[in-house]
Amino acid sequence: MRLVWVSFDVMGRDCLAAAADAGAEVTAVVTLPGPIDRDRSGQCSFDEIAQRLGARLIETADVNSPETVAAVREADPDMIFVVGWSQLVLDEFIGIPRHGVFGMHPTLLPRHRGRAAIPWAILSGLATTGVTLFEIADGTADSGPIVGQVDVPLARDETATTLYEKVTEAHVELVRRFVPQLLDGSAPRVPQDTRRASAWPKRSPADGIIDWETRAPYLHDWVRAQTRPYPGAFTFLDEAKVVVWRARPVDLDEAAPAGTVVGLDGADAIVACGEGALVLEEVEGVAGPLPVGARLG
């Protein structure tokens, strides 16, 4: 089986390596043109792995453009995998391979279709999420027949960093388990129950702004859901943007206006919230400790 691989992130690159190890012949890799954008979560280079696999490297910002479709058609794929790509593929692209286009989504479909699955899993308080390998049958998001799934449990203190690692491992596990079945034609394809479908909305970096009127335990969730490899939760000190990468909630004995730095825990600022306080254990954007009495927001 001849595969074309579409991805721009580390998760997709790990899955590509696993697919090649499983016996797939990768004829082309479609990825974003360089340079790497630090604001695009997980973006990485595919130059080295494409060269190692002897695959043509196709760089594009629009997977559905006539030029990209023509280049992929020239690669003559039996199958296409889209793993780590922020754009839906449309009918002309889907019609290229002989045996289907397949995607992966970091939830247990049909639940939680859509974008920003890792942050939303933490913000929603899920105890378990997962990864789904499915066939992309049309241009709608995450709706095709399911090939396989893996459960991923969330710890109480899960962060976007640790959950991204778990989800990456689950992606690779699914590739190792089901790519051989897809290659020999024995893989299942179970239609999704649309009655049980739900969707999460897209998130942008601007959605990470901290509202200090919120209770401290939820702001703790807010920070850990958007930490690396995502752009991070953030606030402002005067005109300076302050990104909060790590924090923890604490009780606050005396009332103070939300967003006020009420004290220090070592060098870590203690900031009053709508209820309780947040200790800012790792921040970026200011030099030295935040001054007691300063107002964030």
Protein backbone atom coordinates (compact mmCIF):
# COMPACT_ATOMS: atom_id res chain seq x y z
CA MET A 1 0.00 0.00 0.00
CA ARG A 2 1.24 3.45 -0.99
CA LEU A 3 0.52 6.14 1.61
CA VAL A 4 0.52 9.93 1.52
CA TRP A 5 0.86 11.53 4.96
CA VAL A 6 -0.55 14.96 5.85
CA SER A 7 0.67 16.61 9.06
CA PHE A 8 2.53 19.57 10.53
CA ASP A 9 3.03 18.53 14.17
CA VAL A 10 5.10 16.29 16.40
CA MET A 11 2.19 13.94 17.03
CA GLY A 12 1.72 13.38 13.30
CA ARG A 13 5.45 12.87 12.78
CA ASP A 14 5.56 10.16 15.47
CA CYS A 15 2.57 8.45 13.84
CA LEU A 16 4.24 8.65 10.42
CA ALA A 17 7.30 6.84 11.77
CA ALA A 18 5.06 4.17 13.31
CA ALA A 19 3.14 3.69 10.03
CA ALA A 20 6.40 3.21 8.13
CA ASP A 21 7.58 0.70 10.75
CA ALA A 22 4.26 -1.14 10.29
CA GLY A 23 5.07 -1.73 6.61
CA ALA A 24 3.48 1.20 4.80
CA GLU A 25 5.25 2.63 1.76
CA VAL A 26 5.11 6.40 2.24
CA THR A 27 5.37 8.07 -1.16
CA ALA A 28 4.76 11.71 -0.14
CA VAL A 29 4.47 13.89 2.96
CA VAL A 30 2.28 17.01 2.87
CA THR A 31 3.23 19.63 5.45
CA LEU A 32 3.31 23.38 6.06
CA PRO A 33 6.07 25.48 4.53
CA GLY A 34 8.75 26.75 6.91
CA PRO A 35 9.88 28.43 8.99
CA ILE A 36 8.39 26.87 12.13
CA ASP A 37 5.74 29.14 13.69
CA ARG A 38 6.22 29.15 17.48
CA ASP A 39 2.58 30.17 17.95
CA ARG A 40 1.35 27.04 16.13
CA SER A 41 1.17 24.33 18.78
CA GLY A 42 3.45 21.38 18.14
CA GLN A 43 4.60 22.40 14.65
CA CYS A 44 7.79 20.64 13.54
CA SER A 45 9.84 19.92 10.43
CA PHE A 46 9.23 16.85 8.27
CA ASP A 47 12.30 17.30 6.06
CA GLU A 48 14.44 14.67 7.77
CA ILE A 49 11.80 11.93 8.07
CA ALA A 50 10.62 12.45 4.48
CA GLN A 51 14.18 12.12 3.25
CA ARG A 52 14.74 9.00 5.36
CA LEU A 53 11.60 7.37 3.96
CA GLY A 54 12.36 8.41 0.39
CA ALA A 55 9.09 10.36 0.28
CA ARG A 56 8.41 13.48 -1.73
CA LEU A 57 7.93 16.54 0.48
CA ILE A 58 4.94 18.68 -0.54
CA GLU A 59 4.76 22.01 1.30
CA THR A 60 1.45 23.85 1.28
CA ALA A 61 -0.72 26.13 3.39
CA ASP A 62 -3.89 24.86 1.64
CA VAL A 63 -4.30 21.11 1.32
CA ASN A 64 -7.31 21.57 -0.98
CA SER A 65 -5.63 23.91 -3.48
CA PRO A 66 -5.46 22.69 -7.10
CA GLU A 67 -1.65 22.60 -6.90
CA THR A 68 -1.65 20.45 -3.78
CA VAL A 69 -4.35 18.12 -5.08
CA ALA A 70 -2.38 17.65 -8.30
CA ALA A 71 0.85 16.94 -6.41
CA VAL A 72 -0.85 14.38 -4.17
CA ARG A 73 -2.50 12.74 -7.18
CA GLU A 74 0.95 12.37 -8.78
CA ALA A 75 2.07 10.42 -5.70
CA ASP A 76 -0.57 7.80 -6.64
CA PRO A 77 -1.64 6.87 -3.08
CA ASP A 78 -3.70 3.88 -2.07
CA MET A 79 -4.46 5.63 1.21
CA ILE A 80 -4.00 9.06 2.75
CA PHE A 81 -3.59 9.80 6.45
CA VAL A 82 -4.35 13.24 7.89
CA VAL A 83 -2.90 13.38 11.41
CA GLY A 84 -2.29 16.81 12.92
CA TRP A 85 -3.69 19.26 10.39
CA SER A 86 -5.98 22.20 11.18
CA GLN A 87 -7.84 22.30 7.86
CA LEU A 88 -10.66 20.00 6.73
CA VAL A 89 -10.00 18.05 3.55
CA LEU A 90 -12.72 18.37 0.91
CA ASP A 91 -14.31 16.06 -1.64
CA GLU A 92 -11.75 16.40 -4.45
CA PHE A 93 -8.91 15.59 -2.07
CA ILE A 94 -10.86 12.74 -0.46
CA GLY A 95 -11.44 11.19 -3.89
CA ILE A 96 -7.73 10.81 -4.69
CA PRO A 97 -6.72 7.53 -2.98
CA ARG A 98 -8.06 4.13 -3.98
CA HIS A 99 -8.75 2.88 -0.46
CA GLY A 100 -9.72 5.92 1.58
CA VAL A 101 -8.55 8.87 3.65
CA PHE A 102 -8.08 8.34 7.39
CA GLY A 103 -7.77 10.77 10.25
CA MET A 104 -7.23 10.73 14.01
CA HIS A 105 -8.99 12.80 16.65
CA PRO A 106 -7.98 13.09 20.33
CA THR A 107 -11.39 12.24 21.81
CA LEU A 108 -13.67 9.23 21.92
CA LEU A 109 -15.86 9.99 18.90
CA PRO A 110 -18.69 10.70 18.32
CA ARG A 111 -18.29 12.72 21.54
CA HIS A 112 -16.32 15.94 21.47
CA ARG A 113 -15.76 16.54 17.80
CA GLY A 114 -14.10 19.79 16.80
CA ARG A 115 -11.08 21.76 17.92
CA ALA A 116 -8.78 22.19 20.94
CA ALA A 117 -9.60 18.74 22.32
CA ILE A 118 -6.77 18.63 24.86
CA PRO A 119 -7.52 21.99 26.55
CA TRP A 120 -11.25 21.31 26.50
CA ALA A 121 -10.82 17.86 28.09
CA ILE A 122 -9.13 19.50 31.10
CA LEU A 123 -11.46 22.50 31.25
CA SER A 124 -14.48 20.19 31.08
CA GLY A 125 -13.25 18.11 34.01
CA LEU A 126 -13.15 14.82 32.11
CA ALA A 127 -11.81 11.77 33.95
CA THR A 128 -11.26 9.90 30.68
CA THR A 129 -10.77 10.98 27.09
CA GLY A 130 -9.18 9.05 24.22
CA VAL A 131 -8.09 8.93 20.61
CA THR A 132 -10.10 7.73 17.62
CA LEU A 133 -8.84 6.51 14.25
CA PHE A 134 -11.58 7.01 11.66
CA GLU A 135 -12.22 7.20 7.94
CA ILE A 136 -12.74 10.68 6.51
CA ALA A 137 -15.74 10.16 4.28
CA ASP A 138 -16.69 13.77 3.54
CA GLY A 139 -15.74 17.36 4.32
CA THR A 140 -17.43 17.50 7.73
CA ALA A 141 -15.36 17.32 10.91
CA ASP A 142 -14.67 14.01 12.67
CA SER A 143 -17.81 12.27 11.43
CA GLY A 144 -16.67 9.19 9.48
CA PRO A 145 -16.74 5.47 10.36
CA ILE A 146 -14.57 4.47 13.33
CA VAL A 147 -11.65 2.09 12.78
CA GLY A 148 -10.39 1.96 16.38
CA GLN A 149 -10.17 3.80 19.69
CA VAL A 150 -7.91 3.99 22.76
CA ASP A 151 -8.98 5.33 26.17
CA VAL A 152 -6.77 7.93 27.87
CA PRO A 153 -7.34 8.55 31.61
CA LEU A 154 -6.77 12.04 33.03
CA ALA A 155 -5.06 12.59 36.38
CA ARG A 156 -6.56 15.17 38.73
CA ASP A 157 -3.56 17.45 38.16
CA GLU A 158 -3.26 16.74 34.41
CA THR A 159 -1.75 19.52 32.35
CA ALA A 160 -1.84 20.17 28.63
CA THR A 161 1.83 19.10 28.56
CA THR A 162 1.26 15.72 30.21
CA LEU A 163 -2.01 15.04 28.38
CA TYR A 164 -0.39 15.87 25.02
CA GLU A 165 2.25 13.21 25.78
CA LYS A 166 -0.42 10.63 26.71
CA VAL A 167 -2.49 11.41 23.63
CA THR A 168 0.59 11.14 21.40
CA GLU A 169 1.31 7.68 22.80
CA ALA A 170 -2.31 6.68 22.16
CA HIS A 171 -2.08 7.91 18.54
CA VAL A 172 1.03 5.81 17.97
CA GLU A 173 -0.60 2.78 19.61
CA LEU A 174 -3.57 3.04 17.22
CA VAL A 175 -1.27 3.34 14.19
CA ARG A 176 0.71 0.28 15.23
CA ARG A 177 -2.45 -1.73 15.86
CA PHE A 178 -4.59 -0.78 12.89
CA VAL A 179 -2.32 0.27 10.01
CA PRO A 180 -1.45 -3.39 9.31
CA GLN A 181 -5.19 -4.15 9.23
CA LEU A 182 -5.83 -1.24 6.89
CA LEU A 183 -3.02 -2.45 4.66
CA ASP A 184 -4.46 -5.98 4.39
CA GLY A 185 -8.09 -4.83 4.20
CA SER A 186 -9.27 -6.37 7.48
CA ALA A 187 -9.78 -3.18 9.51
CA PRO A 188 -13.30 -2.47 10.86
CA ARG A 189 -15.31 0.59 9.91
CA VAL A 190 -18.11 1.22 12.42
CA PRO A 191 -20.53 4.09 11.62
CA GLN A 192 -20.75 6.80 14.28
CA ASP A 193 -24.02 7.21 16.16
CA THR A 194 -24.89 10.82 15.31
CA ARG A 195 -27.45 10.92 18.16
CA ARG A 196 -24.54 10.80 20.60
CA ALA A 197 -22.36 13.36 18.82
CA SER A 198 -21.20 16.54 20.52
CA ALA A 199 -18.68 19.21 19.56
CA TRP A 200 -16.22 21.58 21.17
CA PRO A 201 -15.67 25.05 19.68
CA LYS A 202 -12.42 26.37 18.28
CA ARG A 203 -10.10 28.21 20.66
CA SER A 204 -7.66 30.98 19.77
CA PRO A 205 -4.70 32.33 21.79
CA ALA A 206 -6.85 35.32 22.80
CA ASP A 207 -9.24 32.95 24.60
CA GLY A 208 -6.53 32.32 27.20
CA ILE A 209 -6.98 35.63 29.01
CA ILE A 210 -7.43 35.24 32.78
CA ASP A 211 -10.54 36.66 34.44
CA TRP A 212 -9.43 37.18 38.03
CA GLU A 213 -13.03 37.31 39.24
CA THR A 214 -13.13 33.52 38.72
CA ARG A 215 -12.73 31.10 41.65
CA ALA A 216 -9.12 30.03 42.18
CA PRO A 217 -9.64 26.25 41.62
CA TYR A 218 -11.06 26.89 38.16
CA LEU A 219 -8.26 29.32 37.31
CA HIS A 220 -5.85 26.52 38.26
CA ASP A 221 -7.65 24.38 35.65
CA TRP A 222 -7.52 27.32 33.23
CA VAL A 223 -3.74 27.57 33.52
CA ARG A 224 -2.95 23.84 33.30
CA ALA A 225 -5.30 23.36 30.34
CA GLN A 226 -3.47 25.95 28.26
CA THR A 227 0.15 25.49 29.24
CA ARG A 228 2.83 24.27 26.81
CA PRO A 229 2.64 23.26 23.98
CA TYR A 230 -0.26 25.76 23.79
CA PRO A 231 0.14 29.57 23.97
CA GLY A 232 -0.69 29.74 27.68
CA ALA A 233 -3.12 31.54 29.98
CA PHE A 234 -2.24 35.20 30.32
CA THR A 235 -2.94 38.49 32.06
CA PHE A 236 -1.49 42.01 32.01
CA LEU A 237 0.59 44.10 34.38
CA ASP A 238 0.06 47.63 33.05
CA GLU A 239 1.06 47.22 29.37
CA ALA A 240 3.15 44.05 29.84
CA LYS A 241 1.61 40.71 28.88
CA VAL A 242 2.26 38.10 31.56
CA VAL A 243 1.90 34.43 30.57
CA VAL A 244 1.18 32.05 33.45
CA TRP A 245 2.59 28.58 32.72
CA ARG A 246 2.10 27.00 36.13
CA ALA A 247 0.04 27.89 39.20
CA ARG A 248 -1.77 26.41 42.21
CA PRO A 249 -4.84 27.49 44.18
CA VAL A 250 -4.69 28.47 47.85
CA ASP A 251 -7.13 29.84 50.40
CA LEU A 252 -7.13 33.58 51.09
CA ASP A 253 -7.87 34.72 54.65
CA GLU A 254 -8.49 38.40 53.89
CA ALA A 255 -10.60 39.84 51.10
CA ALA A 256 -8.79 41.76 48.37
CA PRO A 257 -9.78 43.05 44.93
CA ALA A 258 -9.50 40.28 42.31
CA GLY A 259 -6.19 40.43 40.45
CA THR A 260 -4.27 42.03 43.31
CA VAL A 261 -0.88 40.62 44.27
CA VAL A 262 -1.48 40.15 48.00
CA GLY A 263 1.83 38.54 48.96
CA LEU A 264 4.73 36.33 47.97
CA ASP A 265 5.41 32.63 48.47
CA GLY A 266 9.16 32.77 48.10
CA ALA A 267 9.47 34.55 44.75
CA ASP A 268 6.00 33.44 43.59
CA ALA A 269 3.22 36.01 43.56
CA ILE A 270 -0.02 35.24 45.40
CA VAL A 271 -2.89 36.80 43.45
CA ALA A 272 -6.40 37.30 44.81
CA CYS A 273 -9.19 35.72 42.76
CA GLY A 274 -12.96 36.00 42.86
CA GLU A 275 -12.69 33.37 45.59
CA GLY A 276 -9.38 32.21 47.04
CA ALA A 277 -6.02 33.00 45.47
CA LEU A 278 -3.62 31.67 42.88
CA VAL A 279 0.11 31.21 43.47
CA LEU A 280 1.90 31.93 40.19
CA GLU A 281 4.67 29.33 40.14
CA GLU A 282 5.98 30.04 36.62
CA VAL A 283 5.38 33.21 34.63
CA GLU A 284 6.87 34.84 31.55
CA GLY A 285 6.86 38.47 30.48
CA VAL A 286 8.12 40.28 33.58
CA ALA A 287 11.56 40.52 35.13
CA GLY A 288 11.75 39.51 38.77
CA PRO A 289 8.90 38.89 41.25
CA LEU A 290 5.58 40.65 40.73
CA PRO A 291 5.36 43.48 43.31
CA VAL A 292 2.95 43.15 46.23
CA GLY A 293 0.04 45.52 45.71
CA ALA A 294 0.22 45.38 41.90
CA ARG A 295 -3.08 44.81 40.08
CA LEU A 296 -3.23 42.29 37.24
CA GLY A 297 -5.87 42.23 34.54
